[in-house]
């Protein structure tokens, strides 16, 4: 028998230690555990694409980011904040087929 899905977005204070669903919640914990086991490692789920983008950029710490010009505005915002903090080079491109792959270094995004 599977545990119930928790659809709550907020919790009563000190209710199992959960505060707000974007921070953590029981269903997400179970999903991370199941996916991690399927992949033979661990898993982290994010509540938004922007938070996932920020996490991967700060984990990799690239020197260069190639950003598709017509992409999601939230991604552009996260990349701009990272650039301002780190002086990472950001190159906006209109067509991924125009990238000179000889200039892309290990760790670039």
PDB file of N, CA and C in Angstrom:
ATOM      1  N   UNK A   1       0.841  -1.170   0.000  1.00  0.00           N
ATOM      2  CA  UNK A   1       0.000   0.000   0.000  1.00  0.00           C
ATOM      3  C   UNK A   1       0.896   1.247   0.000  1.00  0.00           C
ATOM      4  N   UNK A   2       0.618   2.170  -0.905  1.00  0.00           N
ATOM      5  CA  UNK A   2       1.425   3.388  -1.009  1.00  0.00           C
ATOM      6  C   UNK A   2       0.914   4.455  -0.053  1.00  0.00           C
ATOM      7  N   UNK A   3       1.831   5.231   0.535  1.00  0.00           N
ATOM      8  CA  UNK A   3       1.398   6.348   1.394  1.00  0.00           C
ATOM      9  C   UNK A   3       0.611   7.371   0.580  1.00  0.00           C
ATOM     10  N   UNK A   4      -0.230   8.120   1.249  1.00  0.00           N
ATOM     11  CA  UNK A   4      -1.037   9.143   0.581  1.00  0.00           C
ATOM     12  C   UNK A   4      -0.153  10.241   0.000  1.00  0.00           C
ATOM     13  N   UNK A   5      -0.623  10.843  -1.096  1.00  0.00           N
ATOM     14  CA  UNK A   5       0.051  12.007  -1.657  1.00  0.00           C
ATOM     15  C   UNK A   5      -0.293  13.219  -0.805  1.00  0.00           C
ATOM     16  N   UNK A   6       0.665  14.063  -0.535  1.00  0.00           N
ATOM     17  CA  UNK A   6       0.446  15.293   0.226  1.00  0.00           C
ATOM     18  C   UNK A   6       0.342  16.444  -0.761  1.00  0.00           C
ATOM     19  N   UNK A   7      -0.831  16.975  -0.908  1.00  0.00           N
ATOM     20  CA  UNK A   7      -1.050  18.067  -1.850  1.00  0.00           C
ATOM     21  C   UNK A   7      -0.942  19.440  -1.199  1.00  0.00           C
ATOM     22  N   UNK A   8      -0.717  19.481   0.094  1.00  0.00           N
ATOM     23  CA  UNK A   8      -0.639  20.760   0.812  1.00  0.00           C
ATOM     24  C   UNK A   8       0.506  21.610   0.288  1.00  0.00           C
ATOM     25  N   UNK A   9       0.253  22.919   0.280  1.00  0.00           N
ATOM     26  CA  UNK A   9       1.321  23.867  -0.037  1.00  0.00           C
ATOM     27  C   UNK A   9       1.871  24.509   1.221  1.00  0.00           C
ATOM     28  N   UNK A  10       1.136  24.394   2.311  1.00  0.00           N
ATOM     29  CA  UNK A  10       1.615  24.926   3.588  1.00  0.00           C
ATOM     30  C   UNK A  10       1.218  23.963   4.703  1.00  0.00           C
ATOM     31  N   UNK A  11       1.899  24.061   5.816  1.00  0.00           N
ATOM     32  CA  UNK A  11       1.700  23.148   6.927  1.00  0.00           C
ATOM     33  C   UNK A  11       1.572  23.936   8.216  1.00  0.00           C
ATOM     34  N   UNK A  12       0.928  23.347   9.198  1.00  0.00           N
ATOM     35  CA  UNK A  12       0.878  23.953  10.520  1.00  0.00           C
ATOM     36  C   UNK A  12       2.289  23.971  11.097  1.00  0.00           C
ATOM     37  N   UNK A  13       2.608  24.957  11.918  1.00  0.00           N
ATOM     38  CA  UNK A  13       3.948  25.002  12.520  1.00  0.00           C
ATOM     39  C   UNK A  13       4.295  23.676  13.210  1.00  0.00           C
ATOM     40  N   UNK A  14       5.523  23.222  12.955  1.00  0.00           N
ATOM     41  CA  UNK A  14       6.064  21.996  13.556  1.00  0.00           C
ATOM     42  C   UNK A  14       5.331  20.718  13.163  1.00  0.00           C
ATOM     43  N   UNK A  15       4.502  20.758  12.132  1.00  0.00           N
ATOM     44  CA  UNK A  15       3.828  19.548  11.658  1.00  0.00           C
ATOM     45  C   UNK A  15       4.845  18.715  10.861  1.00  0.00           C
ATOM     46  N   UNK A  16       5.422  17.726  11.484  1.00  0.00           N
ATOM     47  CA  UNK A  16       6.431  16.857  10.880  1.00  0.00           C
ATOM     48  C   UNK A  16       7.646  17.633  10.383  1.00  0.00           C
ATOM     49  N   UNK A  17       7.837  18.865  10.865  1.00  0.00           N
ATOM     50  CA  UNK A  17       8.988  19.657  10.457  1.00  0.00           C
ATOM     51  C   UNK A  17       8.837  20.349   9.120  1.00  0.00           C
ATOM     52  N   UNK A  18       7.676  20.261   8.484  1.00  0.00           N
ATOM     53  CA  UNK A  18       7.458  20.888   7.186  1.00  0.00           C
ATOM     54  C   UNK A  18       6.846  22.271   7.369  1.00  0.00           C
ATOM     55  N   UNK A  19       7.243  23.209   6.507  1.00  0.00           N
ATOM     56  CA  UNK A  19       6.754  24.576   6.588  1.00  0.00           C
ATOM     57  C   UNK A  19       5.977  24.936   5.321  1.00  0.00           C
ATOM     58  N   UNK A  20       6.606  24.723   4.181  1.00  0.00           N
ATOM     59  CA  UNK A  20       6.051  25.154   2.898  1.00  0.00           C
ATOM     60  C   UNK A  20       6.497  24.161   1.840  1.00  0.00           C
ATOM     61  N   UNK A  21       5.588  23.810   0.930  1.00  0.00           N
ATOM     62  CA  UNK A  21       5.866  22.715  -0.005  1.00  0.00           C
ATOM     63  C   UNK A  21       7.032  22.976  -0.950  1.00  0.00           C
ATOM     64  N   UNK A  22       7.353  24.217  -1.255  1.00  0.00           N
ATOM     65  CA  UNK A  22       8.497  24.476  -2.139  1.00  0.00           C
ATOM     66  C   UNK A  22       9.824  24.225  -1.443  1.00  0.00           C
ATOM     67  N   UNK A  23       9.807  24.217  -0.113  1.00  0.00           N
ATOM     68  CA  UNK A  23      11.021  23.922   0.636  1.00  0.00           C
ATOM     69  C   UNK A  23      11.178  22.411   0.784  1.00  0.00           C
ATOM     70  N   UNK A  24      10.122  21.758   1.231  1.00  0.00           N
ATOM     71  CA  UNK A  24      10.146  20.305   1.410  1.00  0.00           C
ATOM     72  C   UNK A  24       8.741  19.841   1.741  1.00  0.00           C
ATOM     73  N   UNK A  25       8.438  18.614   1.392  1.00  0.00           N
ATOM     74  CA  UNK A  25       7.171  18.008   1.768  1.00  0.00           C
ATOM     75  C   UNK A  25       7.255  16.498   1.578  1.00  0.00           C
ATOM     76  N   UNK A  26       6.390  15.734   2.249  1.00  0.00           N
ATOM     77  CA  UNK A  26       6.524  14.271   2.273  1.00  0.00           C
ATOM     78  C   UNK A  26       6.498  13.600   0.906  1.00  0.00           C
ATOM     79  N   UNK A  27       5.637  14.049   0.007  1.00  0.00           N
ATOM     80  CA  UNK A  27       5.563  13.423  -1.312  1.00  0.00           C
ATOM     81  C   UNK A  27       6.868  13.615  -2.081  1.00  0.00           C
ATOM     82  N   UNK A  28       7.449  14.797  -1.993  1.00  0.00           N
ATOM     83  CA  UNK A  28       8.720  15.048  -2.663  1.00  0.00           C
ATOM     84  C   UNK A  28       9.822  14.162  -2.073  1.00  0.00           C
ATOM     85  N   UNK A  29       9.844  14.012  -0.761  1.00  0.00           N
ATOM     86  CA  UNK A  29      10.852  13.147  -0.133  1.00  0.00           C
ATOM     87  C   UNK A  29      10.748  11.717  -0.654  1.00  0.00           C
ATOM     88  N   UNK A  30       9.538  11.209  -0.768  1.00  0.00           N
ATOM     89  CA  UNK A  30       9.359   9.840  -1.280  1.00  0.00           C
ATOM     90  C   UNK A  30       9.786   9.750  -2.742  1.00  0.00           C
ATOM     91  N   UNK A  31       9.414  10.748  -3.544  1.00  0.00           N
ATOM     92  CA  UNK A  31       9.794  10.748  -4.953  1.00  0.00           C
ATOM     93  C   UNK A  31      11.307  10.784  -5.114  1.00  0.00           C
ATOM     94  N   UNK A  32      11.993  11.608  -4.320  1.00  0.00           N
ATOM     95  CA  UNK A  32      13.460  11.670  -4.379  1.00  0.00           C
ATOM     96  C   UNK A  32      14.076  10.322  -4.006  1.00  0.00           C
ATOM     97  N   UNK A  33      13.526   9.687  -3.001  1.00  0.00           N
ATOM     98  CA  UNK A  33      14.046   8.393  -2.575  1.00  0.00           C
ATOM     99  C   UNK A  33      13.853   7.331  -3.655  1.00  0.00           C
ATOM    100  N   UNK A  34      12.655   7.282  -4.243  1.00  0.00           N
ATOM    101  CA  UNK A  34      12.364   6.287  -5.280  1.00  0.00           C
ATOM    102  C   UNK A  34      13.231   6.523  -6.514  1.00  0.00           C
ATOM    103  N   UNK A  35      13.308   7.762  -6.980  1.00  0.00           N
ATOM    104  CA  UNK A  35      14.111   8.070  -8.174  1.00  0.00           C
ATOM    105  C   UNK A  35      15.596   7.828  -7.915  1.00  0.00           C
ATOM    106  N   UNK A  36      16.061   8.189  -6.740  1.00  0.00           N
ATOM    107  CA  UNK A  36      17.456   7.928  -6.388  1.00  0.00           C
ATOM    108  C   UNK A  36      17.767   6.445  -6.400  1.00  0.00           C
ATOM    109  N   UNK A  37      16.871   5.636  -5.847  1.00  0.00           N
ATOM    110  CA  UNK A  37      17.063   4.184  -5.859  1.00  0.00           C
ATOM    111  C   UNK A  37      17.044   3.624  -7.268  1.00  0.00           C
ATOM    112  N   UNK A  38      16.163   4.139  -8.122  1.00  0.00           N
ATOM    113  CA  UNK A  38      16.102   3.676  -9.516  1.00  0.00           C
ATOM    114  C   UNK A  38      17.394   3.981 -10.267  1.00  0.00           C
ATOM    115  N   UNK A  39      17.996   5.114  -9.950  1.00  0.00           N
ATOM    116  CA  UNK A  39      19.218   5.544 -10.625  1.00  0.00           C
ATOM    117  C   UNK A  39      20.482   5.043  -9.942  1.00  0.00           C
ATOM    118  N   UNK A  40      20.321   4.375  -8.794  1.00  0.00           N
ATOM    119  CA  UNK A  40      21.482   3.856  -8.082  1.00  0.00           C
ATOM    120  C   UNK A  40      22.288   4.928  -7.378  1.00  0.00           C
ATOM    121  N   UNK A  41      21.635   5.997  -6.970  1.00  0.00           N
ATOM    122  CA  UNK A  41      22.340   7.083  -6.286  1.00  0.00           C
ATOM    123  C   UNK A  41      21.371   7.879  -5.453  1.00  0.00           C
ATOM    124  N   UNK A  42      21.439   9.171  -5.602  1.00  0.00           N
ATOM    125  CA  UNK A  42      20.513  10.035  -4.893  1.00  0.00           C
ATOM    126  C   UNK A  42      19.866  10.984  -5.890  1.00  0.00           C
ATOM    127  N   UNK A  43      18.807  11.635  -5.454  1.00  0.00           N
ATOM    128  CA  UNK A  43      18.042  12.509  -6.334  1.00  0.00           C
ATOM    129  C   UNK A  43      17.616  13.744  -5.566  1.00  0.00           C
ATOM    130  N   UNK A  44      17.625  14.877  -6.224  1.00  0.00           N
ATOM    131  CA  UNK A  44      17.085  16.107  -5.656  1.00  0.00           C
ATOM    132  C   UNK A  44      16.064  16.641  -6.641  1.00  0.00           C
ATOM    133  N   UNK A  45      14.849  16.865  -6.168  1.00  0.00           N
ATOM    134  CA  UNK A  45      13.809  17.473  -6.985  1.00  0.00           C
ATOM    135  C   UNK A  45      13.679  18.939  -6.606  1.00  0.00           C
ATOM    136  N   UNK A  46      13.474  19.787  -7.596  1.00  0.00           N
ATOM    137  CA  UNK A  46      13.318  21.211  -7.363  1.00  0.00           C
ATOM    138  C   UNK A  46      11.893  21.618  -7.670  1.00  0.00           C
ATOM    139  N   UNK A  47      11.431  22.656  -6.995  1.00  0.00           N
ATOM    140  CA  UNK A  47      10.051  23.091  -7.151  1.00  0.00           C
ATOM    141  C   UNK A  47       9.860  24.045  -8.323  1.00  0.00           C
ATOM    142  N   UNK A  48      10.941  24.461  -8.952  1.00  0.00           N
ATOM    143  CA  UNK A  48      10.829  25.329 -10.129  1.00  0.00           C
ATOM    144  C   UNK A  48      12.044  25.131 -11.030  1.00  0.00           C
ATOM    145  N   UNK A  49      11.853  25.468 -12.287  1.00  0.00           N
ATOM    146  CA  UNK A  49      12.959  25.392 -13.227  1.00  0.00           C
ATOM    147  C   UNK A  49      14.068  26.368 -12.895  1.00  0.00           C
ATOM    148  N   UNK A  50      13.695  27.538 -12.384  1.00  0.00           N
ATOM    149  CA  UNK A  50      14.706  28.529 -12.019  1.00  0.00           C
ATOM    150  C   UNK A  50      15.577  28.045 -10.873  1.00  0.00           C
ATOM    151  N   UNK A  51      14.977  27.371  -9.904  1.00  0.00           N
ATOM    152  CA  UNK A  51      15.791  26.867  -8.793  1.00  0.00           C
ATOM    153  C   UNK A  51      16.699  25.740  -9.256  1.00  0.00           C
ATOM    154  N   UNK A  52      16.226  24.908 -10.166  1.00  0.00           N
ATOM    155  CA  UNK A  52      17.076  23.841 -10.721  1.00  0.00           C
ATOM    156  C   UNK A  52      18.217  24.435 -11.538  1.00  0.00           C
ATOM    157  N   UNK A  53      17.908  25.460 -12.332  1.00  0.00           N
ATOM    158  CA  UNK A  53      18.934  26.132 -13.128  1.00  0.00           C
ATOM    159  C   UNK A  53      19.995  26.762 -12.234  1.00  0.00           C
ATOM    160  N   UNK A  54      19.560  27.450 -11.198  1.00  0.00           N
ATOM    161  CA  UNK A  54      20.493  28.080 -10.275  1.00  0.00           C
ATOM    162  C   UNK A  54      21.388  27.043  -9.598  1.00  0.00           C
ATOM    163  N   UNK A  55      20.803  25.931  -9.173  1.00  0.00           N
ATOM    164  CA  UNK A  55      21.579  24.887  -8.493  1.00  0.00           C
ATOM    165  C   UNK A  55      22.657  24.304  -9.403  1.00  0.00           C
ATOM    166  N   UNK A  56      22.319  24.009 -10.651  1.00  0.00           N
ATOM    167  CA  UNK A  56      23.301  23.387 -11.544  1.00  0.00           C
ATOM    168  C   UNK A  56      24.399  24.385 -11.909  1.00  0.00           C
ATOM    169  N   UNK A  57      24.040  25.657 -12.102  1.00  0.00           N
ATOM    170  CA  UNK A  57      25.053  26.661 -12.425  1.00  0.00           C
ATOM    171  C   UNK A  57      26.018  26.851 -11.243  1.00  0.00           C
ATOM    172  N   UNK A  58      25.486  26.927 -10.043  1.00  0.00           N
ATOM    173  CA  UNK A  58      26.347  27.118  -8.874  1.00  0.00           C
ATOM    174  C   UNK A  58      27.142  25.866  -8.532  1.00  0.00           C
ATOM    175  N   UNK A  59      26.677  24.712  -8.943  1.00  0.00           N
ATOM    176  CA  UNK A  59      27.431  23.472  -8.721  1.00  0.00           C
ATOM    177  C   UNK A  59      28.599  23.372  -9.707  1.00  0.00           C
ATOM    178  N   UNK A  60      28.333  23.675 -10.960  1.00  0.00           N
ATOM    179  CA  UNK A  60      29.366  23.548 -12.003  1.00  0.00           C
ATOM    180  C   UNK A  60      30.326  24.744 -11.994  1.00  0.00           C
ATOM    181  N   UNK A  61      29.832  25.936 -11.690  1.00  0.00           N
ATOM    182  CA  UNK A  61      30.599  27.188 -11.712  1.00  0.00           C
ATOM    183  C   UNK A  61      31.331  27.337 -13.057  1.00  0.00           C
ATOM    184  N   UNK A  62      30.563  27.468 -14.135  1.00  0.00           N
ATOM    185  CA  UNK A  62      31.192  27.580 -15.456  1.00  0.00           C
ATOM    186  C   UNK A  62      31.881  28.919 -15.666  1.00  0.00           C
ATOM    187  N   UNK A  63      32.879  28.917 -16.543  1.00  0.00           N
ATOM    188  CA  UNK A  63      33.523  30.172 -16.929  1.00  0.00           C
ATOM    189  C   UNK A  63      32.751  30.825 -18.069  1.00  0.00           C
ATOM    190  N   UNK A  64      32.034  30.003 -18.840  1.00  0.00           N
ATOM    191  CA  UNK A  64      31.228  30.499 -19.953  1.00  0.00           C
ATOM    192  C   UNK A  64      29.881  29.796 -19.974  1.00  0.00           C
ATOM    193  N   UNK A  65      28.857  30.573 -20.334  1.00  0.00           N
ATOM    194  CA  UNK A  65      27.521  30.024 -20.529  1.00  0.00           C
ATOM    195  C   UNK A  65      27.037  30.486 -21.893  1.00  0.00           C
ATOM    196  N   UNK A  66      26.563  29.546 -22.681  1.00  0.00           N
ATOM    197  CA  UNK A  66      25.952  29.849 -23.975  1.00  0.00           C
ATOM    198  C   UNK A  66      24.447  29.806 -23.763  1.00  0.00           C
ATOM    199  N   UNK A  67      23.794  30.939 -23.956  1.00  0.00           N
ATOM    200  CA  UNK A  67      22.394  31.091 -23.614  1.00  0.00           C
ATOM    201  C   UNK A  67      21.580  31.304 -24.880  1.00  0.00           C
ATOM    202  N   UNK A  68      20.600  30.440 -25.088  1.00  0.00           N
ATOM    203  CA  UNK A  68      19.731  30.568 -26.254  1.00  0.00           C
ATOM    204  C   UNK A  68      18.880  31.818 -26.090  1.00  0.00           C
ATOM    205  N   UNK A  69      18.975  32.728 -27.042  1.00  0.00           N
ATOM    206  CA  UNK A  69      18.322  34.031 -26.949  1.00  0.00           C
ATOM    207  C   UNK A  69      16.816  33.981 -26.778  1.00  0.00           C
ATOM    208  N   UNK A  70      16.164  32.960 -27.317  1.00  0.00           N
ATOM    209  CA  UNK A  70      14.702  32.883 -27.227  1.00  0.00           C
ATOM    210  C   UNK A  70      14.254  32.011 -26.061  1.00  0.00           C
ATOM    211  N   UNK A  71      15.156  31.727 -25.145  1.00  0.00           N
ATOM    212  CA  UNK A  71      14.844  30.844 -24.028  1.00  0.00           C
ATOM    213  C   UNK A  71      13.977  31.497 -22.965  1.00  0.00           C
ATOM    214  N   UNK A  72      13.725  30.754 -21.922  1.00  0.00           N
ATOM    215  CA  UNK A  72      12.867  31.182 -20.818  1.00  0.00           C
ATOM    216  C   UNK A  72      13.476  32.364 -20.074  1.00  0.00           C
ATOM    217  N   UNK A  73      12.661  33.369 -19.798  1.00  0.00           N
ATOM    218  CA  UNK A  73      13.164  34.603 -19.155  1.00  0.00           C
ATOM    219  C   UNK A  73      13.715  34.335 -17.757  1.00  0.00           C
ATOM    220  N   UNK A  74      13.163  33.352 -17.037  1.00  0.00           N
ATOM    221  CA  UNK A  74      13.666  33.027 -15.706  1.00  0.00           C
ATOM    222  C   UNK A  74      15.098  32.520 -15.753  1.00  0.00           C
ATOM    223  N   UNK A  75      15.409  31.731 -16.786  1.00  0.00           N
ATOM    224  CA  UNK A  75      16.777  31.235 -16.960  1.00  0.00           C
ATOM    225  C   UNK A  75      17.724  32.400 -17.232  1.00  0.00           C
ATOM    226  N   UNK A  76      17.297  33.326 -18.077  1.00  0.00           N
ATOM    227  CA  UNK A  76      18.125  34.501 -18.364  1.00  0.00           C
ATOM    228  C   UNK A  76      18.400  35.295 -17.087  1.00  0.00           C
ATOM    229  N   UNK A  77      17.390  35.424 -16.251  1.00  0.00           N
ATOM    230  CA  UNK A  77      17.557  36.171 -15.002  1.00  0.00           C
ATOM    231  C   UNK A  77      18.571  35.479 -14.088  1.00  0.00           C
ATOM    232  N   UNK A  78      18.466  34.163 -13.935  1.00  0.00           N
ATOM    233  CA  UNK A  78      19.402  33.404 -13.089  1.00  0.00           C
ATOM    234  C   UNK A  78      20.821  33.523 -13.638  1.00  0.00           C
ATOM    235  N   UNK A  79      20.976  33.397 -14.950  1.00  0.00           N
ATOM    236  CA  UNK A  79      22.293  33.492 -15.575  1.00  0.00           C
ATOM    237  C   UNK A  79      22.874  34.896 -15.396  1.00  0.00           C
ATOM    238  N   UNK A  80      22.042  35.925 -15.533  1.00  0.00           N
ATOM    239  CA  UNK A  80      22.519  37.298 -15.351  1.00  0.00           C
ATOM    240  C   UNK A  80      22.995  37.528 -13.918  1.00  0.00           C
ATOM    241  N   UNK A  81      22.248  37.028 -12.939  1.00  0.00           N
ATOM    242  CA  UNK A  81      22.684  37.151 -11.548  1.00  0.00           C
ATOM    243  C   UNK A  81      24.018  36.447 -11.326  1.00  0.00           C
ATOM    244  N   UNK A  82      24.166  35.243 -11.883  1.00  0.00           N
ATOM    245  CA  UNK A  82      25.424  34.501 -11.735  1.00  0.00           C
ATOM    246  C   UNK A  82      26.569  35.265 -12.393  1.00  0.00           C
ATOM    247  N   UNK A  83      26.324  35.802 -13.579  1.00  0.00           N
ATOM    248  CA  UNK A  83      27.345  36.576 -14.297  1.00  0.00           C
ATOM    249  C   UNK A  83      27.789  37.779 -13.463  1.00  0.00           C
ATOM    250  N   UNK A  84      26.845  38.482 -12.856  1.00  0.00           N
ATOM    251  CA  UNK A  84      27.179  39.660 -12.055  1.00  0.00           C
ATOM    252  C   UNK A  84      27.989  39.294 -10.816  1.00  0.00           C
ATOM    253  N   UNK A  85      27.781  38.122 -10.274  1.00  0.00           N
ATOM    254  CA  UNK A  85      28.512  37.683  -9.083  1.00  0.00           C
ATOM    255  C   UNK A  85      29.894  37.124  -9.399  1.00  0.00           C
ATOM    256  N   UNK A  86      30.044  36.526 -10.578  1.00  0.00           N
ATOM    257  CA  UNK A  86      31.261  35.765 -10.869  1.00  0.00           C
ATOM    258  C   UNK A  86      32.049  36.251 -12.073  1.00  0.00           C
ATOM    259  N   UNK A  87      31.503  37.138 -12.839  1.00  0.00           N
ATOM    260  CA  UNK A  87      32.128  37.601 -14.083  1.00  0.00           C
ATOM    261  C   UNK A  87      32.221  36.488 -15.132  1.00  0.00           C
ATOM    262  N   UNK A  88      31.321  35.528 -15.034  1.00  0.00           N
ATOM    263  CA  UNK A  88      31.215  34.468 -16.035  1.00  0.00           C
ATOM    264  C   UNK A  88      30.875  35.106 -17.385  1.00  0.00           C
ATOM    265  N   UNK A  89      31.473  34.595 -18.449  1.00  0.00           N
ATOM    266  CA  UNK A  89      31.173  35.108 -19.783  1.00  0.00           C
ATOM    267  C   UNK A  89      29.878  34.466 -20.269  1.00  0.00           C
ATOM    268  N   UNK A  90      28.924  35.293 -20.699  1.00  0.00           N
ATOM    269  CA  UNK A  90      27.655  34.797 -21.215  1.00  0.00           C
ATOM    270  C   UNK A  90      27.545  35.203 -22.677  1.00  0.00           C
ATOM    271  N   UNK A  91      27.294  34.221 -23.527  1.00  0.00           N
ATOM    272  CA  UNK A  91      27.138  34.466 -24.951  1.00  0.00           C
ATOM    273  C   UNK A  91      25.732  34.068 -25.355  1.00  0.00           C
ATOM    274  N   UNK A  92      24.944  35.057 -25.795  1.00  0.00           N
ATOM    275  CA  UNK A  92      23.598  34.743 -26.280  1.00  0.00           C
ATOM    276  C   UNK A  92      23.695  34.303 -27.729  1.00  0.00           C
ATOM    277  N   UNK A  93      23.007  33.212 -28.007  1.00  0.00           N
ATOM    278  CA  UNK A  93      23.019  32.677 -29.375  1.00  0.00           C
ATOM    279  C   UNK A  93      21.586  32.531 -29.866  1.00  0.00           C
ATOM    280  N   UNK A  94      21.400  32.708 -31.167  1.00  0.00           N
ATOM    281  CA  UNK A  94      20.072  32.551 -31.764  1.00  0.00           C
ATOM    282  C   UNK A  94      19.840  31.127 -32.240  1.00  0.00           C
ATOM    283  N   UNK A  95      20.913  30.456 -32.603  1.00  0.00           N
ATOM    284  CA  UNK A  95      20.801  29.110 -33.168  1.00  0.00           C
ATOM    285  C   UNK A  95      21.923  28.247 -32.598  1.00  0.00           C
ATOM    286  N   UNK A  96      21.577  27.179 -31.861  1.00  0.00           N
ATOM    287  CA  UNK A  96      22.626  26.338 -31.270  1.00  0.00           C
ATOM    288  C   UNK A  96      23.549  25.708 -32.311  1.00  0.00           C
ATOM    289  N   UNK A  97      23.115  25.645 -33.546  1.00  0.00           N
ATOM    290  CA  UNK A  97      23.952  25.068 -34.598  1.00  0.00           C
ATOM    291  C   UNK A  97      25.086  25.997 -35.012  1.00  0.00           C
ATOM    292  N   UNK A  98      25.077  27.242 -34.503  1.00  0.00           N
ATOM    293  CA  UNK A  98      26.128  28.199 -34.883  1.00  0.00           C
ATOM    294  C   UNK A  98      27.275  28.238 -33.874  1.00  0.00           C
ATOM    295  N   UNK A  99      27.212  27.440 -32.817  1.00  0.00           N
ATOM    296  CA  UNK A  99      28.277  27.434 -31.807  1.00  0.00           C
ATOM    297  C   UNK A  99      29.548  26.831 -32.408  1.00  0.00           C
ATOM    298  N   UNK A 100      30.668  27.498 -32.184  1.00  0.00           N
ATOM    299  CA  UNK A 100      31.964  26.938 -32.568  1.00  0.00           C
ATOM    300  C   UNK A 100      32.398  26.005 -31.432  1.00  0.00           C
ATOM    301  N   UNK A 101      32.152  24.723 -31.596  1.00  0.00           N
ATOM    302  CA  UNK A 101      32.385  23.736 -30.533  1.00  0.00           C
ATOM    303  C   UNK A 101      33.844  23.631 -30.151  1.00  0.00           C
ATOM    304  N   UNK A 102      34.762  24.105 -30.982  1.00  0.00           N
ATOM    305  CA  UNK A 102      36.189  24.111 -30.652  1.00  0.00           C
ATOM    306  C   UNK A 102      36.512  25.118 -29.546  1.00  0.00           C
ATOM    307  N   UNK A 103      35.624  26.118 -29.346  1.00  0.00           N
ATOM    308  CA  UNK A 103      35.839  27.121 -28.317  1.00  0.00           C
ATOM    309  C   UNK A 103      35.187  26.757 -26.985  1.00  0.00           C
ATOM    310  N   UNK A 104      34.384  25.729 -26.966  1.00  0.00           N
ATOM    311  CA  UNK A 104      33.700  25.322 -25.735  1.00  0.00           C
ATOM    312  C   UNK A 104      34.660  24.484 -24.892  1.00  0.00           C
ATOM    313  N   UNK A 105      34.830  24.927 -23.650  1.00  0.00           N
ATOM    314  CA  UNK A 105      35.749  24.259 -22.731  1.00  0.00           C
ATOM    315  C   UNK A 105      35.000  23.316 -21.792  1.00  0.00           C
ATOM    316  N   UNK A 106      35.714  22.390 -21.185  1.00  0.00           N
ATOM    317  CA  UNK A 106      35.123  21.505 -20.202  1.00  0.00           C
ATOM    318  C   UNK A 106      34.522  22.349 -19.083  1.00  0.00           C
ATOM    319  N   UNK A 107      33.282  22.063 -18.718  1.00  0.00           N
ATOM    320  CA  UNK A 107      32.603  22.803 -17.667  1.00  0.00           C
ATOM    321  C   UNK A 107      31.767  23.973 -18.139  1.00  0.00           C
ATOM    322  N   UNK A 108      31.894  24.344 -19.420  1.00  0.00           N
ATOM    323  CA  UNK A 108      31.031  25.408 -19.956  1.00  0.00           C
ATOM    324  C   UNK A 108      29.610  24.879 -20.086  1.00  0.00           C
ATOM    325  N   UNK A 109      28.682  25.796 -20.002  1.00  0.00           N
ATOM    326  CA  UNK A 109      27.285  25.438 -20.198  1.00  0.00           C
ATOM    327  C   UNK A 109      26.724  26.158 -21.394  1.00  0.00           C
TER     328      UNK A 109
END
